[in-house]
Amino acid sequence: MYVIRERFFSVGDDFDVMDENGEKVYHVDGKVLSLRDKVIIEDLHGDEVATVHRHLISLRTTYEVRIGGEKAAEVRKNLFTPFRDKFTIDVPGPDDLEMKGDLLDHEYVIEQGGVEVASVSKRWLTIRDTYAVQVAPGVEPLLIIGSVIALDLALERAEDKKDKDKGKDDD
């Protein structure tokens, strides 16, 4: 299990991803936020192990997760989901993953071929503004953590856009 602080990008600071014992596993550099919403995930030695960045030109919100410099996945919002947001984690090959549930409140599962491979929940923790990411054995944790961070970036961007649009309506 991994622990991630919610809404970390609203202030653009760095944060650590902890394990279930509260020990630091990864460091996420949130200060590199740019036009492309890029963050760097580092190991305990400060070496880059993964990145997450937004595609500037795409039909729908899309983030790329790179692990060890190689493209591992594209996390993209599904176009037609009338009642809930759904995101697909498009990995090379036929085994895409899907994020389902209450994405905004961090209560969702990640499935691959209808089988749950990870879950995200705030219910497991008493620490304010944090959520837990449970990854099934045999699943690459960086893929899941990077995808969850991509989802947070996408939701934060959508919220900012909604706030800006609301401000225009008030004028």
N, C-alpha and C. Protein backbone atom coordinates (compact mmCIF):
# COMPACT_ATOMS: atom_id res chain seq x y z
N MET A 1 0.85 -1.18 0.00
CA MET A 1 0.00 0.00 0.00
C MET A 1 0.89 1.24 0.00
N TYR A 2 0.46 2.28 -0.73
CA TYR A 2 1.17 3.54 -0.81
C TYR A 2 0.24 4.66 -0.36
N VAL A 3 0.80 5.70 0.21
CA VAL A 3 0.01 6.82 0.72
C VAL A 3 0.42 8.08 -0.04
N ILE A 4 -0.58 8.78 -0.59
CA ILE A 4 -0.36 9.99 -1.38
C ILE A 4 -1.22 11.11 -0.81
N ARG A 5 -0.64 12.30 -0.75
CA ARG A 5 -1.38 13.46 -0.25
C ARG A 5 -2.29 14.00 -1.35
N GLU A 6 -3.53 14.28 -0.99
CA GLU A 6 -4.52 14.78 -1.94
C GLU A 6 -4.27 16.24 -2.28
N ARG A 7 -4.57 16.60 -3.54
CA ARG A 7 -4.50 17.99 -4.01
C ARG A 7 -3.14 18.63 -3.80
N PHE A 8 -2.12 17.85 -3.99
CA PHE A 8 -0.77 18.35 -3.80
C PHE A 8 -0.38 19.39 -4.82
N PHE A 9 -1.01 19.39 -5.98
CA PHE A 9 -0.60 20.31 -7.03
C PHE A 9 -1.25 21.68 -6.88
N SER A 10 -2.21 21.83 -5.97
CA SER A 10 -2.84 23.12 -5.84
C SER A 10 -1.85 24.16 -5.34
N VAL A 11 -0.83 23.74 -4.62
CA VAL A 11 0.21 24.67 -4.18
C VAL A 11 1.53 24.40 -4.89
N GLY A 12 1.59 23.34 -5.69
CA GLY A 12 2.77 23.06 -6.50
C GLY A 12 4.00 22.65 -5.72
N ASP A 13 3.80 22.05 -4.56
CA ASP A 13 4.97 21.68 -3.77
C ASP A 13 5.39 20.24 -4.01
N ASP A 14 6.54 19.89 -3.47
CA ASP A 14 7.03 18.52 -3.55
C ASP A 14 6.33 17.71 -2.46
N PHE A 15 6.32 16.39 -2.64
CA PHE A 15 5.78 15.54 -1.59
C PHE A 15 6.40 14.16 -1.73
N ASP A 16 6.24 13.38 -0.68
CA ASP A 16 6.76 12.02 -0.68
C ASP A 16 5.61 11.03 -0.75
N VAL A 17 5.84 9.93 -1.45
CA VAL A 17 4.91 8.80 -1.45
C VAL A 17 5.46 7.85 -0.40
N MET A 18 4.60 7.48 0.54
CA MET A 18 5.01 6.63 1.66
C MET A 18 4.45 5.22 1.49
N ASP A 19 5.06 4.27 2.17
CA ASP A 19 4.48 2.93 2.21
C ASP A 19 3.55 2.84 3.42
N GLU A 20 2.98 1.65 3.65
CA GLU A 20 2.01 1.50 4.74
C GLU A 20 2.62 1.69 6.12
N ASN A 21 3.95 1.64 6.22
CA ASN A 21 4.63 1.87 7.50
C ASN A 21 5.04 3.32 7.69
N GLY A 22 4.67 4.18 6.75
CA GLY A 22 5.01 5.59 6.85
C GLY A 22 6.42 5.91 6.39
N GLU A 23 7.06 4.95 5.71
CA GLU A 23 8.43 5.18 5.23
C GLU A 23 8.39 5.67 3.79
N LYS A 24 9.26 6.62 3.50
CA LYS A 24 9.34 7.22 2.17
C LYS A 24 9.77 6.18 1.14
N VAL A 25 9.02 6.10 0.04
CA VAL A 25 9.33 5.18 -1.05
C VAL A 25 9.76 5.97 -2.30
N TYR A 26 9.02 7.05 -2.59
CA TYR A 26 9.31 7.90 -3.74
C TYR A 26 9.16 9.36 -3.33
N HIS A 27 9.83 10.22 -4.09
CA HIS A 27 9.68 11.66 -3.93
C HIS A 27 9.12 12.19 -5.24
N VAL A 28 8.09 13.02 -5.17
CA VAL A 28 7.49 13.61 -6.36
C VAL A 28 7.83 15.09 -6.38
N ASP A 29 8.49 15.51 -7.45
CA ASP A 29 8.89 16.89 -7.61
C ASP A 29 7.74 17.65 -8.26
N GLY A 30 6.99 18.39 -7.46
CA GLY A 30 5.85 19.16 -7.95
C GLY A 30 6.22 20.55 -8.39
N LYS A 31 7.45 20.96 -8.19
CA LYS A 31 7.87 22.30 -8.58
C LYS A 31 8.14 22.41 -10.07
N VAL A 32 8.18 21.30 -10.77
CA VAL A 32 8.45 21.35 -12.21
C VAL A 32 7.16 21.51 -13.01
N LEU A 33 6.08 21.84 -12.33
CA LEU A 33 4.84 22.07 -13.06
C LEU A 33 5.07 23.12 -14.12
N SER A 34 4.60 22.84 -15.28
CA SER A 34 4.82 23.75 -16.41
C SER A 34 3.58 23.74 -17.26
N LEU A 35 3.71 24.29 -18.43
CA LEU A 35 2.60 24.28 -19.38
C LEU A 35 2.11 22.86 -19.63
N ARG A 36 3.02 21.90 -19.57
CA ARG A 36 2.66 20.50 -19.84
C ARG A 36 2.29 19.72 -18.60
N ASP A 37 2.16 20.37 -17.44
CA ASP A 37 1.84 19.66 -16.20
C ASP A 37 2.79 18.48 -16.01
N LYS A 38 4.08 18.73 -15.97
CA LYS A 38 5.05 17.65 -15.84
C LYS A 38 5.52 17.53 -14.39
N VAL A 39 5.54 16.31 -13.90
CA VAL A 39 6.10 16.01 -12.58
C VAL A 39 7.12 14.88 -12.73
N ILE A 40 8.06 14.86 -11.82
CA ILE A 40 9.10 13.83 -11.83
C ILE A 40 8.99 13.02 -10.55
N ILE A 41 9.02 11.70 -10.70
CA ILE A 41 9.02 10.79 -9.55
C ILE A 41 10.44 10.28 -9.39
N GLU A 42 10.98 10.46 -8.18
CA GLU A 42 12.37 10.07 -7.91
C GLU A 42 12.41 8.96 -6.87
N ASP A 43 13.47 8.14 -6.93
CA ASP A 43 13.66 7.10 -5.92
C ASP A 43 14.31 7.73 -4.68
N LEU A 44 14.67 6.90 -3.71
CA LEU A 44 15.24 7.39 -2.45
C LEU A 44 16.60 8.05 -2.63
N HIS A 45 17.26 7.78 -3.75
CA HIS A 45 18.58 8.37 -4.01
C HIS A 45 18.48 9.66 -4.83
N GLY A 46 17.27 10.07 -5.16
CA GLY A 46 17.07 11.28 -5.96
C GLY A 46 17.16 11.05 -7.45
N ASP A 47 17.22 9.80 -7.88
CA ASP A 47 17.27 9.48 -9.30
C ASP A 47 15.85 9.43 -9.88
N GLU A 48 15.70 9.99 -11.07
CA GLU A 48 14.40 9.97 -11.74
C GLU A 48 14.05 8.53 -12.12
N VAL A 49 12.86 8.07 -11.69
CA VAL A 49 12.41 6.73 -12.05
C VAL A 49 11.17 6.77 -12.95
N ALA A 50 10.46 7.90 -12.92
CA ALA A 50 9.26 8.03 -13.74
C ALA A 50 8.90 9.50 -13.91
N THR A 51 8.16 9.80 -14.97
CA THR A 51 7.62 11.14 -15.18
C THR A 51 6.17 11.02 -15.61
N VAL A 52 5.44 12.10 -15.37
CA VAL A 52 4.06 12.20 -15.82
C VAL A 52 3.93 13.57 -16.46
N HIS A 53 3.44 13.62 -17.70
CA HIS A 53 3.23 14.92 -18.34
C HIS A 53 2.01 14.88 -19.24
N ARG A 54 1.42 16.06 -19.42
CA ARG A 54 0.21 16.21 -20.23
C ARG A 54 0.58 16.40 -21.69
N HIS A 55 -0.17 15.77 -22.57
CA HIS A 55 -0.04 16.02 -24.01
C HIS A 55 -0.69 17.37 -24.28
N LEU A 56 0.02 18.23 -24.96
CA LEU A 56 -0.52 19.56 -25.24
C LEU A 56 -1.64 19.53 -26.27
N ILE A 57 -1.49 18.69 -27.28
CA ILE A 57 -2.50 18.64 -28.34
C ILE A 57 -3.10 17.24 -28.34
N SER A 58 -4.35 17.17 -27.89
CA SER A 58 -5.06 15.89 -27.94
C SER A 58 -6.56 16.17 -27.89
N LEU A 59 -7.31 15.25 -28.44
CA LEU A 59 -8.75 15.40 -28.51
C LEU A 59 -9.38 15.41 -27.11
N ARG A 60 -8.80 14.65 -26.23
CA ARG A 60 -9.31 14.58 -24.86
C ARG A 60 -8.12 14.66 -23.91
N THR A 61 -8.39 14.94 -22.66
CA THR A 61 -7.33 15.06 -21.66
C THR A 61 -6.49 13.80 -21.65
N THR A 62 -5.17 13.96 -21.89
CA THR A 62 -4.27 12.81 -21.98
C THR A 62 -2.95 13.13 -21.27
N TYR A 63 -2.52 12.20 -20.43
CA TYR A 63 -1.23 12.30 -19.75
C TYR A 63 -0.40 11.07 -20.09
N GLU A 64 0.89 11.27 -20.24
CA GLU A 64 1.80 10.17 -20.53
C GLU A 64 2.60 9.83 -19.28
N VAL A 65 2.68 8.55 -18.98
CA VAL A 65 3.50 8.06 -17.87
C VAL A 65 4.70 7.36 -18.48
N ARG A 66 5.89 7.81 -18.09
CA ARG A 66 7.14 7.19 -18.55
C ARG A 66 7.84 6.61 -17.34
N ILE A 67 8.28 5.37 -17.47
CA ILE A 67 9.02 4.70 -16.40
C ILE A 67 10.38 4.33 -16.95
N GLY A 68 11.43 4.79 -16.26
CA GLY A 68 12.78 4.51 -16.73
C GLY A 68 13.05 5.07 -18.12
N GLY A 69 12.40 6.18 -18.44
CA GLY A 69 12.59 6.82 -19.74
C GLY A 69 11.74 6.24 -20.86
N GLU A 70 11.08 5.12 -20.61
CA GLU A 70 10.25 4.46 -21.64
C GLU A 70 8.77 4.76 -21.40
N LYS A 71 8.04 4.96 -22.50
CA LYS A 71 6.60 5.19 -22.38
C LYS A 71 5.93 3.94 -21.81
N ALA A 72 5.26 4.11 -20.68
CA ALA A 72 4.60 2.99 -20.02
C ALA A 72 3.09 3.01 -20.26
N ALA A 73 2.53 4.22 -20.38
CA ALA A 73 1.07 4.31 -20.54
C ALA A 73 0.67 5.73 -20.91
N GLU A 74 -0.53 5.83 -21.47
CA GLU A 74 -1.21 7.10 -21.63
C GLU A 74 -2.49 6.99 -20.81
N VAL A 75 -2.70 7.98 -19.97
CA VAL A 75 -3.91 8.02 -19.14
C VAL A 75 -4.81 9.06 -19.78
N ARG A 76 -5.99 8.59 -20.23
CA ARG A 76 -6.87 9.53 -20.92
C ARG A 76 -8.30 9.38 -20.46
N LYS A 77 -8.96 10.53 -20.48
CA LYS A 77 -10.37 10.57 -20.10
C LYS A 77 -11.19 9.97 -21.22
N ASN A 78 -12.15 9.11 -20.86
CA ASN A 78 -13.06 8.55 -21.86
C ASN A 78 -13.98 9.66 -22.34
N LEU A 79 -14.29 9.66 -23.62
CA LEU A 79 -15.09 10.74 -24.19
C LEU A 79 -16.55 10.73 -23.73
N PHE A 80 -17.18 9.59 -23.75
CA PHE A 80 -18.61 9.55 -23.48
C PHE A 80 -18.92 8.72 -22.24
N THR A 81 -18.95 9.38 -21.11
CA THR A 81 -19.35 8.74 -19.86
C THR A 81 -20.35 9.70 -19.21
N PRO A 82 -21.64 9.50 -19.45
CA PRO A 82 -22.64 10.51 -19.09
C PRO A 82 -22.76 10.81 -17.59
N PHE A 83 -22.54 9.84 -16.72
CA PHE A 83 -22.80 10.10 -15.31
C PHE A 83 -21.55 10.18 -14.46
N ARG A 84 -20.46 9.61 -14.91
CA ARG A 84 -19.23 9.60 -14.13
C ARG A 84 -18.03 9.74 -15.05
N ASP A 85 -16.99 10.35 -14.50
CA ASP A 85 -15.73 10.38 -15.25
C ASP A 85 -15.13 8.98 -15.22
N LYS A 86 -14.61 8.58 -16.36
CA LYS A 86 -13.85 7.33 -16.45
C LYS A 86 -12.57 7.64 -17.20
N PHE A 87 -11.50 7.02 -16.76
CA PHE A 87 -10.21 7.19 -17.42
C PHE A 87 -9.68 5.82 -17.80
N THR A 88 -9.03 5.77 -18.96
CA THR A 88 -8.38 4.56 -19.43
C THR A 88 -6.88 4.73 -19.29
N ILE A 89 -6.22 3.69 -18.83
CA ILE A 89 -4.76 3.65 -18.78
C ILE A 89 -4.35 2.76 -19.94
N ASP A 90 -3.96 3.43 -21.02
CA ASP A 90 -3.63 2.74 -22.28
C ASP A 90 -2.16 2.32 -22.23
N VAL A 91 -1.94 1.03 -22.03
CA VAL A 91 -0.59 0.49 -21.97
C VAL A 91 -0.25 -0.17 -23.31
N PRO A 92 1.03 -0.29 -23.65
CA PRO A 92 1.38 -0.97 -24.90
C PRO A 92 0.79 -2.39 -24.91
N GLY A 93 0.23 -2.78 -26.02
CA GLY A 93 -0.40 -4.09 -26.11
C GLY A 93 -1.88 -4.02 -25.79
N PRO A 94 -2.50 -5.18 -25.62
CA PRO A 94 -3.95 -5.24 -25.50
C PRO A 94 -4.51 -5.12 -24.08
N ASP A 95 -3.67 -5.00 -23.08
CA ASP A 95 -4.15 -5.11 -21.70
C ASP A 95 -4.36 -3.77 -21.01
N ASP A 96 -5.17 -2.88 -21.61
CA ASP A 96 -5.43 -1.57 -21.01
C ASP A 96 -6.13 -1.72 -19.66
N LEU A 97 -5.96 -0.70 -18.85
CA LEU A 97 -6.59 -0.66 -17.54
C LEU A 97 -7.64 0.44 -17.54
N GLU A 98 -8.59 0.35 -16.61
CA GLU A 98 -9.63 1.36 -16.51
C GLU A 98 -9.84 1.76 -15.06
N MET A 99 -9.94 3.08 -14.86
CA MET A 99 -10.24 3.62 -13.53
C MET A 99 -11.74 3.80 -13.43
N LYS A 100 -12.35 3.17 -12.40
CA LYS A 100 -13.81 3.21 -12.24
C LYS A 100 -14.17 3.53 -10.80
N GLY A 101 -15.21 4.32 -10.64
CA GLY A 101 -15.69 4.64 -9.30
C GLY A 101 -15.80 6.15 -9.13
N ASP A 102 -15.67 6.60 -7.91
CA ASP A 102 -15.77 8.02 -7.59
C ASP A 102 -14.36 8.63 -7.64
N LEU A 103 -13.95 9.04 -8.84
CA LEU A 103 -12.59 9.51 -9.05
C LEU A 103 -12.31 10.80 -8.28
N LEU A 104 -13.28 11.68 -8.23
CA LEU A 104 -13.09 12.97 -7.57
C LEU A 104 -12.84 12.82 -6.08
N ASP A 105 -13.50 11.87 -5.45
CA ASP A 105 -13.36 11.67 -4.01
C ASP A 105 -12.36 10.57 -3.65
N HIS A 106 -11.58 10.14 -4.63
CA HIS A 106 -10.54 9.14 -4.40
C HIS A 106 -11.10 7.85 -3.78
N GLU A 107 -12.16 7.36 -4.38
CA GLU A 107 -12.76 6.08 -3.99
C GLU A 107 -13.02 5.32 -5.28
N TYR A 108 -11.99 4.65 -5.80
CA TYR A 108 -12.14 3.97 -7.08
C TYR A 108 -11.21 2.78 -7.18
N VAL A 109 -11.46 1.97 -8.20
CA VAL A 109 -10.61 0.81 -8.46
C VAL A 109 -10.00 0.96 -9.85
N ILE A 110 -8.92 0.24 -10.06
CA ILE A 110 -8.30 0.16 -11.37
C ILE A 110 -8.39 -1.31 -11.78
N GLU A 111 -9.02 -1.54 -12.94
CA GLU A 111 -9.23 -2.90 -13.41
C GLU A 111 -8.49 -3.14 -14.72
N GLN A 112 -8.11 -4.39 -14.91
CA GLN A 112 -7.50 -4.83 -16.16
C GLN A 112 -8.24 -6.08 -16.59
N GLY A 113 -8.95 -5.99 -17.71
CA GLY A 113 -9.73 -7.13 -18.17
C GLY A 113 -10.81 -7.54 -17.19
N GLY A 114 -11.37 -6.57 -16.47
CA GLY A 114 -12.42 -6.85 -15.50
C GLY A 114 -11.92 -7.33 -14.14
N VAL A 115 -10.60 -7.43 -13.98
CA VAL A 115 -10.02 -7.88 -12.71
C VAL A 115 -9.38 -6.68 -12.01
N GLU A 116 -9.70 -6.50 -10.74
CA GLU A 116 -9.14 -5.39 -9.98
C GLU A 116 -7.64 -5.60 -9.75
N VAL A 117 -6.84 -4.59 -10.16
CA VAL A 117 -5.39 -4.67 -9.96
C VAL A 117 -4.89 -3.61 -8.97
N ALA A 118 -5.75 -2.64 -8.66
CA ALA A 118 -5.40 -1.62 -7.67
C ALA A 118 -6.67 -0.95 -7.19
N SER A 119 -6.59 -0.38 -6.00
CA SER A 119 -7.71 0.40 -5.49
C SER A 119 -7.17 1.64 -4.80
N VAL A 120 -7.99 2.68 -4.83
CA VAL A 120 -7.62 3.96 -4.24
C VAL A 120 -8.73 4.35 -3.29
N SER A 121 -8.35 4.73 -2.06
CA SER A 121 -9.37 5.06 -1.07
C SER A 121 -8.83 5.99 0.00
N LYS A 122 -9.70 6.89 0.44
CA LYS A 122 -9.39 7.74 1.58
C LYS A 122 -9.87 7.07 2.88
N ARG A 123 -10.76 6.10 2.74
CA ARG A 123 -11.36 5.47 3.92
C ARG A 123 -10.36 4.76 4.81
N TRP A 124 -9.27 4.27 4.23
CA TRP A 124 -8.31 3.49 5.00
C TRP A 124 -7.46 4.34 5.92
N LEU A 125 -7.49 5.65 5.73
CA LEU A 125 -6.56 6.52 6.46
C LEU A 125 -7.29 7.52 7.34
N THR A 126 -6.64 7.88 8.43
CA THR A 126 -7.18 8.92 9.30
C THR A 126 -6.45 10.24 9.08
N ILE A 127 -5.37 10.22 8.30
CA ILE A 127 -4.60 11.43 8.02
C ILE A 127 -5.38 12.28 7.03
N ARG A 128 -5.57 13.53 7.36
CA ARG A 128 -6.35 14.43 6.52
C ARG A 128 -5.66 14.65 5.16
N ASP A 129 -6.47 14.78 4.11
CA ASP A 129 -5.99 15.09 2.77
C ASP A 129 -5.00 14.06 2.22
N THR A 130 -5.18 12.82 2.57
CA THR A 130 -4.35 11.75 2.02
C THR A 130 -5.25 10.62 1.55
N TYR A 131 -4.71 9.81 0.66
CA TYR A 131 -5.44 8.62 0.24
C TYR A 131 -4.44 7.49 0.03
N ALA A 132 -4.95 6.28 0.10
CA ALA A 132 -4.12 5.10 -0.02
C ALA A 132 -4.30 4.47 -1.40
N VAL A 133 -3.21 3.93 -1.91
CA VAL A 133 -3.23 3.22 -3.18
C VAL A 133 -2.75 1.80 -2.91
N GLN A 134 -3.65 0.85 -3.06
CA GLN A 134 -3.34 -0.56 -2.86
C GLN A 134 -3.08 -1.20 -4.22
N VAL A 135 -1.89 -1.79 -4.40
CA VAL A 135 -1.51 -2.37 -5.69
C VAL A 135 -1.40 -3.89 -5.54
N ALA A 136 -2.05 -4.62 -6.45
CA ALA A 136 -2.02 -6.08 -6.40
C ALA A 136 -0.60 -6.59 -6.70
N PRO A 137 -0.26 -7.75 -6.14
CA PRO A 137 1.06 -8.34 -6.44
C PRO A 137 1.22 -8.57 -7.94
N GLY A 138 2.43 -8.33 -8.44
CA GLY A 138 2.71 -8.54 -9.84
C GLY A 138 2.40 -7.36 -10.74
N VAL A 139 1.82 -6.30 -10.17
CA VAL A 139 1.49 -5.10 -10.94
C VAL A 139 2.55 -4.04 -10.64
N GLU A 140 3.04 -3.37 -11.67
CA GLU A 140 4.08 -2.36 -11.52
C GLU A 140 3.55 -1.17 -10.70
N PRO A 141 4.06 -0.96 -9.49
CA PRO A 141 3.57 0.14 -8.65
C PRO A 141 3.75 1.52 -9.29
N LEU A 142 4.86 1.74 -9.99
CA LEU A 142 5.07 3.05 -10.62
C LEU A 142 4.03 3.35 -11.70
N LEU A 143 3.57 2.32 -12.40
CA LEU A 143 2.52 2.51 -13.39
C LEU A 143 1.24 3.00 -12.70
N ILE A 144 0.90 2.37 -11.60
CA ILE A 144 -0.32 2.75 -10.87
C ILE A 144 -0.15 4.12 -10.24
N ILE A 145 0.95 4.35 -9.55
CA ILE A 145 1.18 5.64 -8.89
C ILE A 145 1.22 6.76 -9.93
N GLY A 146 1.93 6.56 -11.03
CA GLY A 146 1.96 7.56 -12.09
C GLY A 146 0.60 7.83 -12.67
N SER A 147 -0.21 6.79 -12.83
CA SER A 147 -1.56 6.95 -13.38
C SER A 147 -2.46 7.70 -12.41
N VAL A 148 -2.32 7.41 -11.13
CA VAL A 148 -3.12 8.11 -10.12
C VAL A 148 -2.73 9.59 -10.08
N ILE A 149 -1.45 9.88 -10.18
CA ILE A 149 -0.99 11.27 -10.22
C ILE A 149 -1.52 11.96 -11.48
N ALA A 150 -1.50 11.26 -12.62
CA ALA A 150 -2.04 11.82 -13.86
C ALA A 150 -3.52 12.16 -13.69
N LEU A 151 -4.26 11.28 -13.06
CA LEU A 151 -5.68 11.54 -12.81
C LEU A 151 -5.84 12.78 -11.94
N ASP A 152 -5.03 12.90 -10.88
CA ASP A 152 -5.10 14.08 -10.02
C ASP A 152 -4.82 15.36 -10.81
N LEU A 153 -3.81 15.31 -11.68
CA LEU A 153 -3.49 16.47 -12.51
C LEU A 153 -4.66 16.83 -13.41
N ALA A 154 -5.27 15.83 -14.04
CA ALA A 154 -6.39 16.07 -14.95
C ALA A 154 -7.58 16.66 -14.20
N LEU A 155 -7.89 16.12 -13.04
CA LEU A 155 -9.02 16.62 -12.27
C LEU A 155 -8.76 18.03 -11.76
N GLU A 156 -7.54 18.30 -11.34
CA GLU A 156 -7.17 19.64 -10.88
C GLU A 156 -7.29 20.65 -12.02
N ARG A 157 -6.82 20.25 -13.20
CA ARG A 157 -6.90 21.12 -14.39
C ARG A 157 -8.37 21.38 -14.74
N ALA A 158 -9.22 20.36 -14.69
CA ALA A 158 -10.64 20.53 -15.00
C ALA A 158 -11.31 21.45 -13.98
N GLU A 159 -10.93 21.31 -12.73
CA GLU A 159 -11.49 22.16 -11.67
C GLU A 159 -11.06 23.61 -11.89
N ASP A 160 -9.79 23.83 -12.22
CA ASP A 160 -9.30 25.19 -12.48
C ASP A 160 -10.04 25.81 -13.66
N LYS A 161 -10.26 25.00 -14.71
CA LYS A 161 -10.96 25.50 -15.90
C LYS A 161 -12.39 25.87 -15.54
N LYS A 162 -13.04 25.02 -14.73
CA LYS A 162 -14.41 25.29 -14.32
C LYS A 162 -14.48 26.59 -13.51
N ASP A 163 -13.50 26.81 -12.62
CA ASP A 163 -13.46 28.04 -11.82
C ASP A 163 -13.26 29.26 -12.71
N LYS A 164 -12.37 29.15 -13.72
CA LYS A 164 -12.15 30.28 -14.64
C LYS A 164 -13.41 30.57 -15.44
N ASP A 165 -14.07 29.51 -15.93
CA ASP A 165 -15.30 29.70 -16.70
C ASP A 165 -16.39 30.32 -15.84
N LYS A 166 -16.46 29.95 -14.59
CA LYS A 166 -17.45 30.50 -13.67
C LYS A 166 -17.18 31.99 -13.46
N GLY A 167 -15.90 32.34 -13.35
CA GLY A 167 -15.52 33.74 -13.17
C GLY A 167 -15.93 34.57 -14.36
N LYS A 168 -15.84 34.01 -15.57
CA LYS A 168 -16.26 34.74 -16.77
C LYS A 168 -17.77 34.96 -16.77
N ASP A 169 -18.52 33.97 -16.27
CA ASP A 169 -19.98 34.10 -16.22
C ASP A 169 -20.41 35.18 -15.24
N ASP A 170 -19.58 35.39 -14.21
CA ASP A 170 -19.93 36.38 -13.18
C ASP A 170 -19.68 37.81 -13.64
N ASP A 171 -18.93 37.96 -14.73
CA ASP A 171 -18.59 39.31 -15.21
C ASP A 171 -19.77 40.02 -15.83
